[in-house]
């Protein structure tokens, strides 16, 4: 796969992230009754990207690329998904809890995922706020996601809610239970953010210690 078109698609998203705080109301849906540096180790804001070490053509390649990003932060690779626009991976902390999410382009560059991982993650995001209280539980998050999908992506429904610091990420499924994409639900506000940048789902790989 050539990397040029992919980077061309992702570059505008990187530029737009800086403006998301100002226009977030147009990008998310609020549930009406919810109530609500690459060398850094340990928890804390993540910035920058790990440059390509080698092209990524398989899950094994993706694992190696993500580990270069994760290891200096005392994190490790969890679930890895392949999409038409590149790879997505969960990062887990030493206790096996989900820490954050990253993207890998076909050239091998790894960066913090756009959207919720940057803006909502209360430990590893751009604006950490560990004191923020979660008012939305995982079952509530699934219900919020289903209501959003019913109004915006007919024929899809929510899978299980995977908890990250400050939010949940949920696979979206078609009528036969096959993965179609993913969205996130803010654990404090109930806002929904659909992940529009992945493309078509192609496959998934689980790692020991991820659930």
C-alpha atoms as a PDB file:
ATOM      1  CA  UNK A   1       0.000   0.000   0.000  1.00  0.00           C
ATOM      2  CA  UNK A   2       1.321   3.446  -0.870  1.00  0.00           C
ATOM      3  CA  UNK A   3       1.673   5.858   2.006  1.00  0.00           C
ATOM      4  CA  UNK A   4       1.142   9.087   0.084  1.00  0.00           C
ATOM      5  CA  UNK A   5      -2.689   9.034  -0.132  1.00  0.00           C
ATOM      6  CA  UNK A   6      -2.999   8.019   3.500  1.00  0.00           C
ATOM      7  CA  UNK A   7      -0.842  10.829   4.770  1.00  0.00           C
ATOM      8  CA  UNK A   8      -2.753  13.163   2.524  1.00  0.00           C
ATOM      9  CA  UNK A   9      -5.981  12.112   4.215  1.00  0.00           C
ATOM     10  CA  UNK A  10      -4.616  12.317   7.755  1.00  0.00           C
ATOM     11  CA  UNK A  11      -2.755  15.634   7.447  1.00  0.00           C
ATOM     12  CA  UNK A  12      -5.927  17.763   7.427  1.00  0.00           C
ATOM     13  CA  UNK A  13      -7.097  15.941  10.545  1.00  0.00           C
ATOM     14  CA  UNK A  14      -3.904  16.791  12.376  1.00  0.00           C
ATOM     15  CA  UNK A  15      -4.330  20.438  11.447  1.00  0.00           C
ATOM     16  CA  UNK A  16      -7.959  20.435  12.534  1.00  0.00           C
ATOM     17  CA  UNK A  17      -7.292  18.947  15.983  1.00  0.00           C
ATOM     18  CA  UNK A  18      -6.158  22.336  17.275  1.00  0.00           C
ATOM     19  CA  UNK A  19      -9.547  23.783  16.371  1.00  0.00           C
ATOM     20  CA  UNK A  20     -11.647  20.940  17.766  1.00  0.00           C
ATOM     21  CA  UNK A  21     -12.073  22.489  21.192  1.00  0.00           C
ATOM     22  CA  UNK A  22     -13.816  25.458  19.596  1.00  0.00           C
ATOM     23  CA  UNK A  23     -16.096  23.441  17.331  1.00  0.00           C
ATOM     24  CA  UNK A  24     -16.630  20.350  19.468  1.00  0.00           C
ATOM     25  CA  UNK A  25     -20.331  21.124  19.786  1.00  0.00           C
ATOM     26  CA  UNK A  26     -20.725  20.443  16.082  1.00  0.00           C
ATOM     27  CA  UNK A  27     -18.769  17.196  16.237  1.00  0.00           C
ATOM     28  CA  UNK A  28     -20.330  15.493  19.246  1.00  0.00           C
ATOM     29  CA  UNK A  29     -23.786  14.664  20.474  1.00  0.00           C
ATOM     30  CA  UNK A  30     -24.740  15.195  24.101  1.00  0.00           C
ATOM     31  CA  UNK A  31     -27.080  12.672  25.658  1.00  0.00           C
ATOM     32  CA  UNK A  32     -29.857  14.768  27.099  1.00  0.00           C
ATOM     33  CA  UNK A  33     -30.233  12.935  30.409  1.00  0.00           C
ATOM     34  CA  UNK A  34     -26.772  11.564  31.233  1.00  0.00           C
ATOM     35  CA  UNK A  35     -26.144  13.984  34.101  1.00  0.00           C
ATOM     36  CA  UNK A  36     -23.627  14.823  33.287  1.00  0.00           C
ATOM     37  CA  UNK A  37       7.318  13.715  24.350  1.00  0.00           C
ATOM     38  CA  UNK A  38       8.062  10.417  22.808  1.00  0.00           C
ATOM     39  CA  UNK A  39      10.658   9.689  25.539  1.00  0.00           C
ATOM     40  CA  UNK A  40       8.338  10.362  28.462  1.00  0.00           C
ATOM     41  CA  UNK A  41       7.837   7.439  30.865  1.00  0.00           C
ATOM     42  CA  UNK A  42       4.736   6.839  32.957  1.00  0.00           C
ATOM     43  CA  UNK A  43       1.417   8.683  32.887  1.00  0.00           C
ATOM     44  CA  UNK A  44       1.219  12.164  31.468  1.00  0.00           C
ATOM     45  CA  UNK A  45       0.325  14.055  28.278  1.00  0.00           C
ATOM     46  CA  UNK A  46       1.553  12.468  25.058  1.00  0.00           C
ATOM     47  CA  UNK A  47       2.738  14.622  22.180  1.00  0.00           C
ATOM     48  CA  UNK A  48       4.544  14.044  18.921  1.00  0.00           C
ATOM     49  CA  UNK A  49       4.936  10.835  16.962  1.00  0.00           C
ATOM     50  CA  UNK A  50       7.471   8.035  16.645  1.00  0.00           C
ATOM     51  CA  UNK A  51       8.901   8.204  13.105  1.00  0.00           C
ATOM     52  CA  UNK A  52       8.689   5.255  10.775  1.00  0.00           C
ATOM     53  CA  UNK A  53      11.160   2.480  11.458  1.00  0.00           C
ATOM     54  CA  UNK A  54       9.955   0.297   8.590  1.00  0.00           C
ATOM     55  CA  UNK A  55       6.845  -0.072   6.435  1.00  0.00           C
ATOM     56  CA  UNK A  56       3.918  -1.776   8.162  1.00  0.00           C
ATOM     57  CA  UNK A  57       2.439  -4.590   6.083  1.00  0.00           C
ATOM     58  CA  UNK A  58       1.217  -7.026   8.765  1.00  0.00           C
ATOM     59  CA  UNK A  59       0.045  -7.254  12.366  1.00  0.00           C
ATOM     60  CA  UNK A  60       3.580  -8.267  13.381  1.00  0.00           C
ATOM     61  CA  UNK A  61       4.944  -5.105  11.773  1.00  0.00           C
ATOM     62  CA  UNK A  62       2.265  -3.037  13.522  1.00  0.00           C
ATOM     63  CA  UNK A  63       3.137  -4.612  16.883  1.00  0.00           C
ATOM     64  CA  UNK A  64       6.794  -3.690  16.496  1.00  0.00           C
ATOM     65  CA  UNK A  65       5.955  -0.134  15.495  1.00  0.00           C
ATOM     66  CA  UNK A  66       3.564   0.375  18.417  1.00  0.00           C
ATOM     67  CA  UNK A  67       6.035  -1.095  20.921  1.00  0.00           C
ATOM     68  CA  UNK A  68       8.581   1.574  19.888  1.00  0.00           C
ATOM     69  CA  UNK A  69       5.991   4.156  20.893  1.00  0.00           C
ATOM     70  CA  UNK A  70       4.723   2.365  24.014  1.00  0.00           C
ATOM     71  CA  UNK A  71       7.846   1.011  25.722  1.00  0.00           C
ATOM     72  CA  UNK A  72       9.398   4.386  26.741  1.00  0.00           C
ATOM     73  CA  UNK A  73       6.074   5.227  28.428  1.00  0.00           C
ATOM     74  CA  UNK A  74       5.985   1.954  30.381  1.00  0.00           C
ATOM     75  CA  UNK A  75       2.995   0.788  28.311  1.00  0.00           C
ATOM     76  CA  UNK A  76       2.463  -2.214  26.040  1.00  0.00           C
ATOM     77  CA  UNK A  77       0.319  -3.257  23.101  1.00  0.00           C
ATOM     78  CA  UNK A  78      -3.208  -4.540  23.575  1.00  0.00           C
ATOM     79  CA  UNK A  79      -5.794  -5.002  20.844  1.00  0.00           C
ATOM     80  CA  UNK A  80      -4.659  -4.143  17.311  1.00  0.00           C
ATOM     81  CA  UNK A  81      -7.092  -3.499  14.454  1.00  0.00           C
ATOM     82  CA  UNK A  82      -6.392  -3.135  10.749  1.00  0.00           C
ATOM     83  CA  UNK A  83      -8.386  -0.651   8.667  1.00  0.00           C
ATOM     84  CA  UNK A  84      -8.070   0.467   5.066  1.00  0.00           C
ATOM     85  CA  UNK A  85      -6.375   3.686   6.269  1.00  0.00           C
ATOM     86  CA  UNK A  86      -3.848   1.985   8.566  1.00  0.00           C
ATOM     87  CA  UNK A  87      -3.649   0.272  11.946  1.00  0.00           C
ATOM     88  CA  UNK A  88      -5.196   1.171  15.307  1.00  0.00           C
ATOM     89  CA  UNK A  89      -3.912  -0.129  18.652  1.00  0.00           C
ATOM     90  CA  UNK A  90      -4.826   0.042  22.311  1.00  0.00           C
ATOM     91  CA  UNK A  91      -2.008   0.706  24.770  1.00  0.00           C
ATOM     92  CA  UNK A  92      -2.211  -0.969  28.172  1.00  0.00           C
ATOM     93  CA  UNK A  93      -0.568   0.056  31.444  1.00  0.00           C
ATOM     94  CA  UNK A  94       1.540  -2.395  33.520  1.00  0.00           C
ATOM     95  CA  UNK A  95      -1.621  -3.588  35.310  1.00  0.00           C
ATOM     96  CA  UNK A  96      -3.292  -4.426  31.996  1.00  0.00           C
ATOM     97  CA  UNK A  97      -5.717  -1.485  32.074  1.00  0.00           C
ATOM     98  CA  UNK A  98      -6.430   0.413  28.888  1.00  0.00           C
ATOM     99  CA  UNK A  99      -4.346   3.589  28.842  1.00  0.00           C
ATOM    100  CA  UNK A 100      -4.835   5.200  25.429  1.00  0.00           C
ATOM    101  CA  UNK A 101      -5.131   4.607  21.685  1.00  0.00           C
ATOM    102  CA  UNK A 102      -2.699   5.122  18.802  1.00  0.00           C
ATOM    103  CA  UNK A 103      -2.644   5.027  15.009  1.00  0.00           C
ATOM    104  CA  UNK A 104      -0.001   3.486  12.756  1.00  0.00           C
ATOM    105  CA  UNK A 105       0.257   4.566   9.138  1.00  0.00           C
ATOM    106  CA  UNK A 106       1.509   2.133   6.468  1.00  0.00           C
ATOM    107  CA  UNK A 107       4.896   3.830   6.492  1.00  0.00           C
ATOM    108  CA  UNK A 108       5.310   2.891  10.181  1.00  0.00           C
ATOM    109  CA  UNK A 109       4.811   6.258  11.895  1.00  0.00           C
ATOM    110  CA  UNK A 110       2.938   5.935  15.215  1.00  0.00           C
ATOM    111  CA  UNK A 111       0.975   8.807  16.764  1.00  0.00           C
ATOM    112  CA  UNK A 112      -1.652   9.349  19.430  1.00  0.00           C
ATOM    113  CA  UNK A 113      -5.083   8.796  17.901  1.00  0.00           C
ATOM    114  CA  UNK A 114      -7.092  11.805  16.816  1.00  0.00           C
ATOM    115  CA  UNK A 115     -10.194  12.820  18.760  1.00  0.00           C
ATOM    116  CA  UNK A 116     -10.988  11.272  22.169  1.00  0.00           C
ATOM    117  CA  UNK A 117      -7.469   9.973  22.900  1.00  0.00           C
ATOM    118  CA  UNK A 118      -6.154  13.516  22.471  1.00  0.00           C
ATOM    119  CA  UNK A 119      -9.030  15.574  23.856  1.00  0.00           C
ATOM    120  CA  UNK A 120     -10.840  13.375  26.420  1.00  0.00           C
ATOM    121  CA  UNK A 121      -8.169  11.142  27.928  1.00  0.00           C
ATOM    122  CA  UNK A 122      -7.779  12.437  31.501  1.00  0.00           C
ATOM    123  CA  UNK A 123      -4.328  10.879  32.044  1.00  0.00           C
ATOM    124  CA  UNK A 124      -2.525  10.615  28.694  1.00  0.00           C
ATOM    125  CA  UNK A 125      -4.369  13.248  26.635  1.00  0.00           C
ATOM    126  CA  UNK A 126      -3.404  16.787  25.712  1.00  0.00           C
ATOM    127  CA  UNK A 127      -5.409  18.245  28.616  1.00  0.00           C
ATOM    128  CA  UNK A 128      -5.147  15.742  31.515  1.00  0.00           C
ATOM    129  CA  UNK A 129      -7.681  16.139  34.305  1.00  0.00           C
ATOM    130  CA  UNK A 130      -7.438  13.110  36.616  1.00  0.00           C
ATOM    131  CA  UNK A 131      -9.826  14.645  39.162  1.00  0.00           C
ATOM    132  CA  UNK A 132     -12.744  14.636  36.690  1.00  0.00           C
ATOM    133  CA  UNK A 133     -15.549  12.427  37.984  1.00  0.00           C
ATOM    134  CA  UNK A 134     -17.069   9.819  35.666  1.00  0.00           C
ATOM    135  CA  UNK A 135     -20.856  10.009  35.723  1.00  0.00           C
ATOM    136  CA  UNK A 136     -21.458   7.581  32.841  1.00  0.00           C
ATOM    137  CA  UNK A 137     -20.976   3.848  33.438  1.00  0.00           C
ATOM    138  CA  UNK A 138     -20.176   1.276  30.727  1.00  0.00           C
ATOM    139  CA  UNK A 139     -23.784   0.097  30.310  1.00  0.00           C
ATOM    140  CA  UNK A 140     -24.948   3.710  30.063  1.00  0.00           C
ATOM    141  CA  UNK A 141     -22.249   4.359  27.472  1.00  0.00           C
ATOM    142  CA  UNK A 142     -23.535   1.496  25.316  1.00  0.00           C
ATOM    143  CA  UNK A 143     -27.081   2.857  25.563  1.00  0.00           C
ATOM    144  CA  UNK A 144     -25.917   6.351  24.604  1.00  0.00           C
ATOM    145  CA  UNK A 145     -23.977   4.904  21.671  1.00  0.00           C
ATOM    146  CA  UNK A 146     -26.990   2.924  20.457  1.00  0.00           C
ATOM    147  CA  UNK A 147     -29.219   5.991  20.543  1.00  0.00           C
ATOM    148  CA  UNK A 148     -26.634   8.010  18.637  1.00  0.00           C
ATOM    149  CA  UNK A 149     -26.211   5.273  16.023  1.00  0.00           C
ATOM    150  CA  UNK A 150     -29.979   4.960  15.567  1.00  0.00           C
ATOM    151  CA  UNK A 151     -30.113   8.631  14.634  1.00  0.00           C
ATOM    152  CA  UNK A 152     -26.898   8.877  12.612  1.00  0.00           C
ATOM    153  CA  UNK A 153     -25.878   5.445  11.251  1.00  0.00           C
ATOM    154  CA  UNK A 154     -28.959   3.316  10.725  1.00  0.00           C
ATOM    155  CA  UNK A 155     -28.302  -0.423  10.748  1.00  0.00           C
ATOM    156  CA  UNK A 156     -25.393  -0.242  13.208  1.00  0.00           C
ATOM    157  CA  UNK A 157     -25.413  -0.931  16.929  1.00  0.00           C
ATOM    158  CA  UNK A 158     -22.929  -0.717  19.790  1.00  0.00           C
ATOM    159  CA  UNK A 159     -20.732  -3.517  21.071  1.00  0.00           C
ATOM    160  CA  UNK A 160     -19.131  -3.596  24.537  1.00  0.00           C
ATOM    161  CA  UNK A 161     -17.706  -0.451  26.127  1.00  0.00           C
ATOM    162  CA  UNK A 162     -13.919  -0.491  26.644  1.00  0.00           C
ATOM    163  CA  UNK A 163     -12.922   1.935  29.401  1.00  0.00           C
ATOM    164  CA  UNK A 164     -10.066   4.405  28.949  1.00  0.00           C
ATOM    165  CA  UNK A 165      -9.231   7.269  31.343  1.00  0.00           C
ATOM    166  CA  UNK A 166     -12.161   9.673  30.947  1.00  0.00           C
ATOM    167  CA  UNK A 167     -14.063   7.914  28.173  1.00  0.00           C
ATOM    168  CA  UNK A 168     -15.174   4.640  26.585  1.00  0.00           C
ATOM    169  CA  UNK A 169     -14.421   3.348  23.101  1.00  0.00           C
ATOM    170  CA  UNK A 170     -16.985   1.030  21.539  1.00  0.00           C
ATOM    171  CA  UNK A 171     -16.933  -1.068  18.373  1.00  0.00           C
ATOM    172  CA  UNK A 172     -19.892  -0.422  16.094  1.00  0.00           C
ATOM    173  CA  UNK A 173     -21.475  -3.547  14.605  1.00  0.00           C
ATOM    174  CA  UNK A 174     -23.777  -4.340  11.702  1.00  0.00           C
ATOM    175  CA  UNK A 175     -26.850  -6.579  11.928  1.00  0.00           C
ATOM    176  CA  UNK A 176     -24.751  -9.752  11.718  1.00  0.00           C
ATOM    177  CA  UNK A 177     -22.401  -8.632  14.490  1.00  0.00           C
ATOM    178  CA  UNK A 178     -19.470  -7.734  12.239  1.00  0.00           C
ATOM    179  CA  UNK A 179     -17.365  -4.700  13.165  1.00  0.00           C
ATOM    180  CA  UNK A 180     -18.060  -1.641  11.028  1.00  0.00           C
ATOM    181  CA  UNK A 181     -16.102   1.011  12.931  1.00  0.00           C
ATOM    182  CA  UNK A 182     -15.903   2.578  16.385  1.00  0.00           C
ATOM    183  CA  UNK A 183     -17.008   5.531  18.452  1.00  0.00           C
ATOM    184  CA  UNK A 184     -16.224   6.943  21.894  1.00  0.00           C
ATOM    185  CA  UNK A 185     -18.446   8.200  24.724  1.00  0.00           C
ATOM    186  CA  UNK A 186     -17.211  10.769  27.234  1.00  0.00           C
ATOM    187  CA  UNK A 187     -17.483   9.342  30.767  1.00  0.00           C
ATOM    188  CA  UNK A 188     -18.230  12.740  32.307  1.00  0.00           C
ATOM    189  CA  UNK A 189     -20.620  14.296  29.782  1.00  0.00           C
ATOM    190  CA  UNK A 190     -22.048  11.489  27.641  1.00  0.00           C
ATOM    191  CA  UNK A 191     -20.822  13.144  24.442  1.00  0.00           C
ATOM    192  CA  UNK A 192     -20.323  10.872  21.429  1.00  0.00           C
ATOM    193  CA  UNK A 193     -17.414  11.110  19.005  1.00  0.00           C
ATOM    194  CA  UNK A 194     -17.491   8.806  15.971  1.00  0.00           C
ATOM    195  CA  UNK A 195     -14.065   7.757  14.638  1.00  0.00           C
ATOM    196  CA  UNK A 196     -14.336   8.875  11.011  1.00  0.00           C
ATOM    197  CA  UNK A 197     -10.659   8.440  10.115  1.00  0.00           C
ATOM    198  CA  UNK A 198     -10.171   4.654  10.053  1.00  0.00           C
ATOM    199  CA  UNK A 199     -11.769   3.608   6.792  1.00  0.00           C
ATOM    200  CA  UNK A 200     -13.030   0.051   6.256  1.00  0.00           C
ATOM    201  CA  UNK A 201     -12.427  -2.540   8.983  1.00  0.00           C
ATOM    202  CA  UNK A 202     -10.216  -5.392   7.756  1.00  0.00           C
ATOM    203  CA  UNK A 203      -9.198  -7.461  10.779  1.00  0.00           C
ATOM    204  CA  UNK A 204      -8.248  -7.593  14.462  1.00  0.00           C
ATOM    205  CA  UNK A 205      -5.598  -9.211  16.638  1.00  0.00           C
ATOM    206  CA  UNK A 206      -5.881  -9.686  20.400  1.00  0.00           C
ATOM    207  CA  UNK A 207      -2.877  -9.929  22.735  1.00  0.00           C
ATOM    208  CA  UNK A 208      -2.609 -11.815  26.023  1.00  0.00           C
ATOM    209  CA  UNK A 209      -3.684  -9.494  28.820  1.00  0.00           C
ATOM    210  CA  UNK A 210      -6.159  -7.549  26.680  1.00  0.00           C
ATOM    211  CA  UNK A 211      -9.881  -8.216  26.991  1.00  0.00           C
END
